[in-house]
PDB file of all heavy atoms in Angstrom:
ATOM      1  N   VAL A   1      79.548  53.741 -68.198  1.00  0.00           N
ATOM      2  CA  VAL A   1      80.907  54.350 -68.371  1.00  0.00           C
ATOM      3  C   VAL A   1      81.298  55.221 -67.224  1.00  0.00           C
ATOM      4  O   VAL A   1      80.450  55.981 -66.762  1.00  0.00           O
ATOM      5  CB  VAL A   1      80.935  55.107 -69.759  1.00  0.00           C
ATOM      6  CG1 VAL A   1      82.330  55.683 -70.023  1.00  0.00           C
ATOM      7  CG2 VAL A   1      80.489  54.295 -70.865  1.00  0.00           C
ATOM      8  N   SER A   2      82.519  55.107 -66.783  1.00  0.00           N
ATOM      9  CA  SER A   2      82.938  55.947 -65.623  1.00  0.00           C
ATOM     10  C   SER A   2      82.895  57.427 -65.967  1.00  0.00           C
ATOM     11  O   SER A   2      82.971  57.778 -67.182  1.00  0.00           O
ATOM     12  CB  SER A   2      84.366  55.531 -65.219  1.00  0.00           C
ATOM     13  OG  SER A   2      85.288  55.761 -66.273  1.00  0.00           O
ATOM     14  N   PRO A   3      82.761  58.323 -64.986  1.00  0.00           N
ATOM     15  CA  PRO A   3      82.667  59.732 -65.280  1.00  0.00           C
ATOM     16  C   PRO A   3      83.821  60.280 -66.060  1.00  0.00           C
ATOM     17  O   PRO A   3      83.627  61.243 -66.894  1.00  0.00           O
ATOM     18  CB  PRO A   3      82.590  60.394 -63.880  1.00  0.00           C
ATOM     19  CG  PRO A   3      82.031  59.316 -62.990  1.00  0.00           C
ATOM     20  CD  PRO A   3      82.559  58.014 -63.555  1.00  0.00           C
ATOM     21  N   ASP A   4      85.049  59.709 -65.909  1.00  0.00           N
ATOM     22  CA  ASP A   4      86.183  60.176 -66.675  1.00  0.00           C
ATOM     23  C   ASP A   4      86.394  59.503 -67.998  1.00  0.00           C
ATOM     24  O   ASP A   4      87.340  59.790 -68.741  1.00  0.00           O
ATOM     25  CB  ASP A   4      87.454  60.073 -65.847  1.00  0.00           C
ATOM     26  CG  ASP A   4      87.785  58.635 -65.369  1.00  0.00           C
ATOM     27  OD1 ASP A   4      87.104  57.666 -65.850  1.00  0.00           O
ATOM     28  OD2 ASP A   4      88.625  58.481 -64.466  1.00  0.00           O
ATOM     29  N   GLY A   5      85.517  58.580 -68.301  1.00  0.00           N
ATOM     30  CA  GLY A   5      85.554  57.843 -69.616  1.00  0.00           C
ATOM     31  C   GLY A   5      86.695  56.840 -69.683  1.00  0.00           C
ATOM     32  O   GLY A   5      86.916  56.249 -70.731  1.00  0.00           O
ATOM     33  N   LYS A   6      87.383  56.520 -68.541  1.00  0.00           N
ATOM     34  CA  LYS A   6      88.533  55.599 -68.607  1.00  0.00           C
ATOM     35  C   LYS A   6      88.087  54.131 -68.491  1.00  0.00           C
ATOM     36  O   LYS A   6      88.857  53.239 -68.840  1.00  0.00           O
ATOM     37  CB  LYS A   6      89.517  55.919 -67.487  1.00  0.00           C
ATOM     38  CG  LYS A   6      90.224  57.287 -67.645  1.00  0.00           C
ATOM     39  CD  LYS A   6      91.198  57.557 -66.531  1.00  0.00           C
ATOM     40  CE  LYS A   6      91.908  58.900 -66.748  1.00  0.00           C
ATOM     41  NZ  LYS A   6      92.920  59.101 -65.728  1.00  0.00           N
ATOM     42  N   HIS A   7      86.917  53.890 -67.991  1.00  0.00           N
ATOM     43  CA  HIS A   7      86.538  52.499 -67.750  1.00  0.00           C
ATOM     44  C   HIS A   7      85.032  52.263 -68.112  1.00  0.00           C
ATOM     45  O   HIS A   7      84.246  53.266 -68.070  1.00  0.00           O
ATOM     46  CB  HIS A   7      86.751  52.060 -66.315  1.00  0.00           C
ATOM     47  CG  HIS A   7      88.157  52.113 -65.848  1.00  0.00           C
ATOM     48  ND1 HIS A   7      88.593  53.293 -65.242  1.00  0.00           N
ATOM     49  CD2 HIS A   7      89.130  51.220 -65.869  1.00  0.00           C
ATOM     50  CE1 HIS A   7      89.922  53.106 -64.978  1.00  0.00           C
ATOM     51  NE2 HIS A   7      90.250  51.829 -65.321  1.00  0.00           N
ATOM     52  N   TYR A   8      84.655  51.085 -68.417  1.00  0.00           N
ATOM     53  CA  TYR A   8      83.245  50.755 -68.493  1.00  0.00           C
ATOM     54  C   TYR A   8      83.021  49.417 -67.928  1.00  0.00           C
ATOM     55  O   TYR A   8      83.957  48.579 -67.741  1.00  0.00           O
ATOM     56  CB  TYR A   8      82.728  50.836 -69.989  1.00  0.00           C
ATOM     57  CG  TYR A   8      83.327  49.827 -70.939  1.00  0.00           C
ATOM     58  CD1 TYR A   8      82.718  48.553 -71.129  1.00  0.00           C
ATOM     59  CD2 TYR A   8      84.434  50.095 -71.693  1.00  0.00           C
ATOM     60  CE1 TYR A   8      83.174  47.656 -72.062  1.00  0.00           C
ATOM     61  CE2 TYR A   8      84.945  49.208 -72.576  1.00  0.00           C
ATOM     62  CZ  TYR A   8      84.288  47.997 -72.784  1.00  0.00           C
ATOM     63  OH  TYR A   8      84.796  47.109 -73.705  1.00  0.00           O
ATOM     64  N   ALA A   9      81.730  49.095 -67.588  1.00  0.00           N
ATOM     65  CA  ALA A   9      81.432  47.855 -66.862  1.00  0.00           C
ATOM     66  C   ALA A   9      80.229  47.166 -67.486  1.00  0.00           C
ATOM     67  O   ALA A   9      79.288  47.869 -67.988  1.00  0.00           O
ATOM     68  CB  ALA A   9      81.241  48.162 -65.362  1.00  0.00           C
ATOM     69  N   PHE A  10      80.120  45.941 -67.273  1.00  0.00           N
ATOM     70  CA  PHE A  10      78.927  45.164 -67.684  1.00  0.00           C
ATOM     71  C   PHE A  10      78.881  43.827 -66.955  1.00  0.00           C
ATOM     72  O   PHE A  10      79.966  43.244 -66.522  1.00  0.00           O
ATOM     73  CB  PHE A  10      78.882  44.898 -69.199  1.00  0.00           C
ATOM     74  CG  PHE A  10      80.046  44.092 -69.743  1.00  0.00           C
ATOM     75  CD1 PHE A  10      79.925  42.714 -69.862  1.00  0.00           C
ATOM     76  CD2 PHE A  10      81.189  44.672 -70.172  1.00  0.00           C
ATOM     77  CE1 PHE A  10      80.873  41.944 -70.390  1.00  0.00           C
ATOM     78  CE2 PHE A  10      82.236  43.928 -70.656  1.00  0.00           C
ATOM     79  CZ  PHE A  10      82.087  42.525 -70.746  1.00  0.00           C
ATOM     80  N   GLY A  11      77.676  43.233 -66.728  1.00  0.00           N
ATOM     81  CA  GLY A  11      77.505  41.956 -66.144  1.00  0.00           C
ATOM     82  C   GLY A  11      77.289  40.936 -67.174  1.00  0.00           C
ATOM     83  O   GLY A  11      76.841  41.173 -68.257  1.00  0.00           O
ATOM     84  N   GLN A  12      77.666  39.683 -66.886  1.00  0.00           N
ATOM     85  CA  GLN A  12      77.556  38.608 -67.787  1.00  0.00           C
ATOM     86  C   GLN A  12      77.024  37.346 -67.078  1.00  0.00           C
ATOM     87  O   GLN A  12      77.572  36.968 -66.026  1.00  0.00           O
ATOM     88  CB  GLN A  12      78.810  38.320 -68.478  1.00  0.00           C
ATOM     89  CG  GLN A  12      78.765  37.530 -69.722  1.00  0.00           C
ATOM     90  CD  GLN A  12      80.047  37.613 -70.579  1.00  0.00           C
ATOM     91  OE1 GLN A  12      81.200  37.598 -69.996  1.00  0.00           O
ATOM     92  NE2 GLN A  12      79.885  37.730 -71.868  1.00  0.00           N
ATOM     93  N   PRO A  13      76.007  36.605 -67.614  1.00  0.00           N
ATOM     94  CA  PRO A  13      75.592  35.358 -66.964  1.00  0.00           C
ATOM     95  C   PRO A  13      76.653  34.298 -67.130  1.00  0.00           C
ATOM     96  O   PRO A  13      77.530  34.354 -68.005  1.00  0.00           O
ATOM     97  CB  PRO A  13      74.356  35.024 -67.763  1.00  0.00           C
ATOM     98  CG  PRO A  13      74.512  35.626 -69.065  1.00  0.00           C
ATOM     99  CD  PRO A  13      75.263  36.950 -68.796  1.00  0.00           C
ATOM    100  N   ALA A  14      76.588  33.293 -66.233  1.00  0.00           N
ATOM    101  CA  ALA A  14      77.516  32.158 -66.340  1.00  0.00           C
ATOM    102  C   ALA A  14      77.102  31.277 -67.471  1.00  0.00           C
ATOM    103  O   ALA A  14      75.892  31.223 -67.908  1.00  0.00           O
ATOM    104  CB  ALA A  14      77.499  31.359 -65.054  1.00  0.00           C
ATOM    105  N   PRO A  15      77.954  30.487 -68.097  1.00  0.00           N
ATOM    106  CA  PRO A  15      77.592  29.594 -69.163  1.00  0.00           C
ATOM    107  C   PRO A  15      76.737  28.442 -68.756  1.00  0.00           C
ATOM    108  O   PRO A  15      75.939  27.918 -69.519  1.00  0.00           O
ATOM    109  CB  PRO A  15      78.929  29.093 -69.710  1.00  0.00           C
ATOM    110  CG  PRO A  15      79.879  29.252 -68.521  1.00  0.00           C
ATOM    111  CD  PRO A  15      79.391  30.446 -67.809  1.00  0.00           C
ATOM    112  N   ASP A  16      76.767  28.034 -67.441  1.00  0.00           N
ATOM    113  CA  ASP A  16      75.879  27.042 -66.933  1.00  0.00           C
ATOM    114  C   ASP A  16      75.786  27.143 -65.428  1.00  0.00           C
ATOM    115  O   ASP A  16      76.551  27.964 -64.825  1.00  0.00           O
ATOM    116  CB  ASP A  16      76.366  25.640 -67.401  1.00  0.00           C
ATOM    117  CG  ASP A  16      77.776  25.370 -66.947  1.00  0.00           C
ATOM    118  OD1 ASP A  16      77.991  25.374 -65.660  1.00  0.00           O
ATOM    119  OD2 ASP A  16      78.640  25.179 -67.798  1.00  0.00           O
ATOM    120  N   LYS A  17      74.953  26.346 -64.835  1.00  0.00           N
ATOM    121  CA  LYS A  17      74.705  26.440 -63.397  1.00  0.00           C
ATOM    122  C   LYS A  17      75.798  25.998 -62.488  1.00  0.00           C
ATOM    123  O   LYS A  17      75.738  26.126 -61.272  1.00  0.00           O
ATOM    124  CB  LYS A  17      73.408  25.756 -63.014  1.00  0.00           C
ATOM    125  CG  LYS A  17      73.433  24.237 -63.242  1.00  0.00           C
ATOM    126  CD  LYS A  17      72.109  23.680 -62.868  1.00  0.00           C
ATOM    127  CE  LYS A  17      72.045  22.161 -63.081  1.00  0.00           C
ATOM    128  NZ  LYS A  17      70.716  21.592 -62.812  1.00  0.00           N
ATOM    129  N   THR A  18      76.884  25.452 -63.108  1.00  0.00           N
ATOM    130  CA  THR A  18      78.051  25.036 -62.269  1.00  0.00           C
ATOM    131  C   THR A  18      78.956  26.254 -61.989  1.00  0.00           C
ATOM    132  O   THR A  18      79.896  26.068 -61.241  1.00  0.00           O
ATOM    133  CB  THR A  18      78.837  23.938 -62.932  1.00  0.00           C
ATOM    134  OG1 THR A  18      79.400  24.453 -64.175  1.00  0.00           O
ATOM    135  CG2 THR A  18      77.894  22.763 -63.288  1.00  0.00           C
ATOM    136  N   LYS A  19      78.702  27.346 -62.659  1.00  0.00           N
ATOM    137  CA  LYS A  19      79.573  28.506 -62.488  1.00  0.00           C
ATOM    138  C   LYS A  19      78.732  29.715 -62.026  1.00  0.00           C
ATOM    139  O   LYS A  19      77.491  29.565 -61.788  1.00  0.00           O
ATOM    140  CB  LYS A  19      80.253  28.832 -63.826  1.00  0.00           C
ATOM    141  CG  LYS A  19      81.136  27.724 -64.339  1.00  0.00           C
ATOM    142  CD  LYS A  19      81.727  28.001 -65.615  1.00  0.00           C
ATOM    143  CE  LYS A  19      82.684  26.905 -66.082  1.00  0.00           C
ATOM    144  NZ  LYS A  19      81.972  25.629 -66.299  1.00  0.00           N
ATOM    145  N   VAL A  20      79.338  30.819 -61.798  1.00  0.00           N
ATOM    146  CA  VAL A  20      78.609  32.023 -61.254  1.00  0.00           C
ATOM    147  C   VAL A  20      78.694  33.171 -62.303  1.00  0.00           C
ATOM    148  O   VAL A  20      79.564  33.224 -63.138  1.00  0.00           O
ATOM    149  CB  VAL A  20      79.286  32.476 -59.965  1.00  0.00           C
ATOM    150  CG1 VAL A  20      79.096  31.477 -58.936  1.00  0.00           C
ATOM    151  CG2 VAL A  20      80.740  32.881 -60.118  1.00  0.00           C
ATOM    152  N   ALA A  21      77.687  34.050 -62.182  1.00  0.00           N
ATOM    153  CA  ALA A  21      77.677  35.236 -63.039  1.00  0.00           C
ATOM    154  C   ALA A  21      78.877  36.146 -62.705  1.00  0.00           C
ATOM    155  O   ALA A  21      79.457  35.991 -61.590  1.00  0.00           O
ATOM    156  CB  ALA A  21      76.423  36.045 -62.808  1.00  0.00           C
ATOM    157  N   THR A  22      79.293  36.953 -63.630  1.00  0.00           N
ATOM    158  CA  THR A  22      80.495  37.814 -63.402  1.00  0.00           C
ATOM    159  C   THR A  22      80.276  39.263 -63.753  1.00  0.00           C
ATOM    160  O   THR A  22      79.258  39.588 -64.467  1.00  0.00           O
ATOM    161  CB  THR A  22      81.673  37.306 -64.337  1.00  0.00           C
ATOM    162  OG1 THR A  22      81.176  37.255 -65.727  1.00  0.00           O
ATOM    163  CG2 THR A  22      82.123  35.934 -63.913  1.00  0.00           C
ATOM    164  N   MET A  23      81.023  40.113 -63.164  1.00  0.00           N
ATOM    165  CA  MET A  23      81.063  41.568 -63.506  1.00  0.00           C
ATOM    166  C   MET A  23      82.421  41.803 -64.194  1.00  0.00           C
ATOM    167  O   MET A  23      83.427  41.335 -63.787  1.00  0.00           O
ATOM    168  CB  MET A  23      80.918  42.389 -62.268  1.00  0.00           C
ATOM    169  CG  MET A  23      79.499  42.667 -61.861  1.00  0.00           C
ATOM    170  SD  MET A  23      78.455  43.460 -63.087  1.00  0.00           S
ATOM    171  CE  MET A  23      79.367  45.041 -63.281  1.00  0.00           C
ATOM    172  N   HIS A  24      82.353  42.614 -65.254  1.00  0.00           N
ATOM    173  CA  HIS A  24      83.535  42.971 -65.982  1.00  0.00           C
ATOM    174  C   HIS A  24      83.751  44.463 -65.906  1.00  0.00           C
ATOM    175  O   HIS A  24      82.840  45.253 -66.132  1.00  0.00           O
ATOM    176  CB  HIS A  24      83.373  42.637 -67.450  1.00  0.00           C
ATOM    177  CG  HIS A  24      83.243  41.104 -67.685  1.00  0.00           C
ATOM    178  ND1 HIS A  24      84.171  40.373 -68.342  1.00  0.00           N
ATOM    179  CD2 HIS A  24      82.230  40.204 -67.366  1.00  0.00           C
ATOM    180  CE1 HIS A  24      83.790  39.106 -68.400  1.00  0.00           C
ATOM    181  NE2 HIS A  24      82.619  39.044 -67.810  1.00  0.00           N
ATOM    182  N   VAL A  25      84.981  44.911 -65.628  1.00  0.00           N
ATOM    183  CA  VAL A  25      85.416  46.332 -65.614  1.00  0.00           C
ATOM    184  C   VAL A  25      86.517  46.395 -66.621  1.00  0.00           C
ATOM    185  O   VAL A  25      87.565  45.808 -66.445  1.00  0.00           O
ATOM    186  CB  VAL A  25      85.792  46.823 -64.236  1.00  0.00           C
ATOM    187  CG1 VAL A  25      86.253  48.287 -64.327  1.00  0.00           C
ATOM    188  CG2 VAL A  25      84.709  46.582 -63.250  1.00  0.00           C
ATOM    189  N   VAL A  26      86.306  47.187 -67.654  1.00  0.00           N
ATOM    190  CA  VAL A  26      87.263  47.216 -68.817  1.00  0.00           C
ATOM    191  C   VAL A  26      87.982  48.585 -68.847  1.00  0.00           C
ATOM    192  O   VAL A  26      87.337  49.601 -68.689  1.00  0.00           O
ATOM    193  CB  VAL A  26      86.549  46.958 -70.140  1.00  0.00           C
ATOM    194  CG1 VAL A  26      87.513  47.020 -71.308  1.00  0.00           C
ATOM    195  CG2 VAL A  26      85.732  45.639 -70.103  1.00  0.00           C
ATOM    196  N   ASP A  27      89.265  48.480 -68.990  1.00  0.00           N
ATOM    197  CA  ASP A  27      90.084  49.719 -69.164  1.00  0.00           C
ATOM    198  C   ASP A  27      90.018  50.111 -70.605  1.00  0.00           C
ATOM    199  O   ASP A  27      90.419  49.347 -71.546  1.00  0.00           O
ATOM    200  CB  ASP A  27      91.553  49.418 -68.800  1.00  0.00           C
ATOM    201  CG  ASP A  27      92.432  50.614 -68.802  1.00  0.00           C
ATOM    202  OD1 ASP A  27      92.774  51.060 -69.888  1.00  0.00           O
ATOM    203  OD2 ASP A  27      92.739  51.153 -67.680  1.00  0.00           O
ATOM    204  N   VAL A  28      89.493  51.271 -70.899  1.00  0.00           N
ATOM    205  CA  VAL A  28      89.348  51.738 -72.273  1.00  0.00           C
ATOM    206  C   VAL A  28      90.655  51.927 -73.028  1.00  0.00           C
ATOM    207  O   VAL A  28      90.761  51.471 -74.214  1.00  0.00           O
ATOM    208  CB  VAL A  28      88.547  53.087 -72.344  1.00  0.00           C
ATOM    209  CG1 VAL A  28      88.453  53.601 -73.728  1.00  0.00           C
ATOM    210  CG2 VAL A  28      87.103  52.886 -71.730  1.00  0.00           C
ATOM    211  N   ALA A  29      91.656  52.439 -72.374  1.00  0.00           N
ATOM    212  CA  ALA A  29      92.915  52.681 -73.013  1.00  0.00           C
ATOM    213  C   ALA A  29      93.605  51.419 -73.440  1.00  0.00           C
ATOM    214  O   ALA A  29      94.193  51.313 -74.579  1.00  0.00           O
ATOM    215  CB  ALA A  29      93.822  53.511 -72.118  1.00  0.00           C
ATOM    216  N   THR A  30      93.604  50.419 -72.600  1.00  0.00           N
ATOM    217  CA  THR A  30      94.377  49.169 -72.858  1.00  0.00           C
ATOM    218  C   THR A  30      93.493  47.967 -73.284  1.00  0.00           C
ATOM    219  O   THR A  30      93.975  47.028 -73.843  1.00  0.00           O
ATOM    220  CB  THR A  30      95.155  48.753 -71.614  1.00  0.00           C
ATOM    221  OG1 THR A  30      94.161  48.380 -70.626  1.00  0.00           O
ATOM    222  CG2 THR A  30      96.014  49.899 -71.138  1.00  0.00           C
ATOM    223  N   GLY A  31      92.239  48.111 -73.039  1.00  0.00           N
ATOM    224  CA  GLY A  31      91.340  46.921 -73.338  1.00  0.00           C
ATOM    225  C   GLY A  31      91.376  45.878 -72.300  1.00  0.00           C
ATOM    226  O   GLY A  31      90.699  44.808 -72.451  1.00  0.00           O
ATOM    227  N   ALA A  32      92.108  46.047 -71.161  1.00  0.00           N
ATOM    228  CA  ALA A  32      92.201  45.056 -70.173  1.00  0.00           C
ATOM    229  C   ALA A  32      90.856  44.841 -69.501  1.00  0.00           C
ATOM    230  O   ALA A  32      90.197  45.821 -69.076  1.00  0.00           O
ATOM    231  CB  ALA A  32      93.238  45.465 -69.127  1.00  0.00           C
ATOM    232  N   ASP A  33      90.436  43.614 -69.427  1.00  0.00           N
ATOM    233  CA  ASP A  33      89.129  43.238 -68.870  1.00  0.00           C
ATOM    234  C   ASP A  33      89.337  42.530 -67.519  1.00  0.00           C
ATOM    235  O   ASP A  33      89.919  41.454 -67.417  1.00  0.00           O
ATOM    236  CB  ASP A  33      88.457  42.263 -69.802  1.00  0.00           C
ATOM    237  CG  ASP A  33      87.035  41.937 -69.360  1.00  0.00           C
ATOM    238  OD1 ASP A  33      86.596  42.376 -68.323  1.00  0.00           O
ATOM    239  OD2 ASP A  33      86.338  41.134 -70.072  1.00  0.00           O
ATOM    240  N   HIS A  34      88.916  43.254 -66.446  1.00  0.00           N
ATOM    241  CA  HIS A  34      89.042  42.728 -65.108  1.00  0.00           C
ATOM    242  C   HIS A  34      87.683  41.997 -64.768  1.00  0.00           C
ATOM    243  O   HIS A  34      86.642  42.673 -64.765  1.00  0.00           O
ATOM    244  CB  HIS A  34      89.333  43.861 -64.136  1.00  0.00           C
ATOM    245  CG  HIS A  34      90.533  44.638 -64.499  1.00  0.00           C
ATOM    246  ND1 HIS A  34      91.817  44.252 -64.223  1.00  0.00           N
ATOM    247  CD2 HIS A  34      90.656  45.848 -65.185  1.00  0.00           C
ATOM    248  CE1 HIS A  34      92.691  45.141 -64.672  1.00  0.00           C
ATOM    249  NE2 HIS A  34      91.991  46.124 -65.238  1.00  0.00           N
ATOM    250  N   VAL A  35      87.771  40.732 -64.472  1.00  0.00           N
ATOM    251  CA  VAL A  35      86.554  39.894 -64.326  1.00  0.00           C
ATOM    252  C   VAL A  35      86.469  39.559 -62.811  1.00  0.00           C
ATOM    253  O   VAL A  35      87.414  39.025 -62.244  1.00  0.00           O
ATOM    254  CB  VAL A  35      86.678  38.625 -65.118  1.00  0.00           C
ATOM    255  CG1 VAL A  35      85.329  37.833 -65.004  1.00  0.00           C
ATOM    256  CG2 VAL A  35      86.863  38.934 -66.630  1.00  0.00           C
ATOM    257  N   PHE A  36      85.259  39.783 -62.280  1.00  0.00           N
ATOM    258  CA  PHE A  36      85.003  39.510 -60.907  1.00  0.00           C
ATOM    259  C   PHE A  36      83.766  38.528 -60.766  1.00  0.00           C
ATOM    260  O   PHE A  36      82.728  38.798 -61.410  1.00  0.00           O
ATOM    261  CB  PHE A  36      84.686  40.803 -60.150  1.00  0.00           C
ATOM    262  CG  PHE A  36      85.786  41.839 -60.192  1.00  0.00           C
ATOM    263  CD1 PHE A  36      85.684  42.877 -61.095  1.00  0.00           C
ATOM    264  CD2 PHE A  36      86.898  41.769 -59.398  1.00  0.00           C
ATOM    265  CE1 PHE A  36      86.706  43.851 -61.165  1.00  0.00           C
ATOM    266  CE2 PHE A  36      87.913  42.727 -59.430  1.00  0.00           C
ATOM    267  CZ  PHE A  36      87.830  43.742 -60.354  1.00  0.00           C
ATOM    268  N   ALA A  37      83.939  37.505 -59.933  1.00  0.00           N
ATOM    269  CA  ALA A  37      82.824  36.581 -59.684  1.00  0.00           C
ATOM    270  C   ALA A  37      81.784  37.269 -58.772  1.00  0.00           C
ATOM    271  O   ALA A  37      82.091  38.017 -57.921  1.00  0.00           O
ATOM    272  CB  ALA A  37      83.378  35.310 -59.034  1.00  0.00           C
ATOM    273  N   THR A  38      80.521  36.967 -59.064  1.00  0.00           N
ATOM    274  CA  THR A  38      79.434  37.479 -58.250  1.00  0.00           C
ATOM    275  C   THR A  38      78.500  36.341 -57.798  1.00  0.00           C
ATOM    276  O   THR A  38      77.441  36.130 -58.346  1.00  0.00           O
ATOM    277  CB  THR A  38      78.617  38.557 -59.076  1.00  0.00           C
ATOM    278  OG1 THR A  38      78.054  37.878 -60.287  1.00  0.00           O
ATOM    279  CG2 THR A  38      79.505  39.692 -59.513  1.00  0.00           C
ATOM    280  N   PRO A  39      78.922  35.537 -56.847  1.00  0.00           N
ATOM    281  CA  PRO A  39      78.205  34.352 -56.487  1.00  0.00           C
ATOM    282  C   PRO A  39      76.940  34.660 -55.702  1.00  0.00           C
ATOM    283  O   PRO A  39      76.154  33.658 -55.484  1.00  0.00           O
ATOM    284  CB  PRO A  39      79.174  33.617 -55.506  1.00  0.00           C
ATOM    285  CG  PRO A  39      80.061  34.728 -55.010  1.00  0.00           C
ATOM    286  CD  PRO A  39      80.195  35.719 -56.103  1.00  0.00           C
ATOM    287  N   SER A  40      76.586  35.894 -55.412  1.00  0.00           N
ATOM    288  CA  SER A  40      75.334  36.195 -54.689  1.00  0.00           C
ATOM    289  C   SER A  40      74.045  36.140 -55.581  1.00  0.00           C
ATOM    290  O   SER A  40      72.992  36.211 -55.108  1.00  0.00           O
ATOM    291  CB  SER A  40      75.437  37.527 -53.955  1.00  0.00           C
ATOM    292  OG  SER A  40      75.632  38.557 -54.903  1.00  0.00           O
TER     293      SER A  40
END
């Protein structure tokens, strides 16, 4: 959780090997989930 409590983050594996794992940054107030690919 961010120091100001406004966001939280978590990683998620891909559903299969044709895709990449992702990082999620969620806005607590709105619930908006910003998803970023992590191909490394």
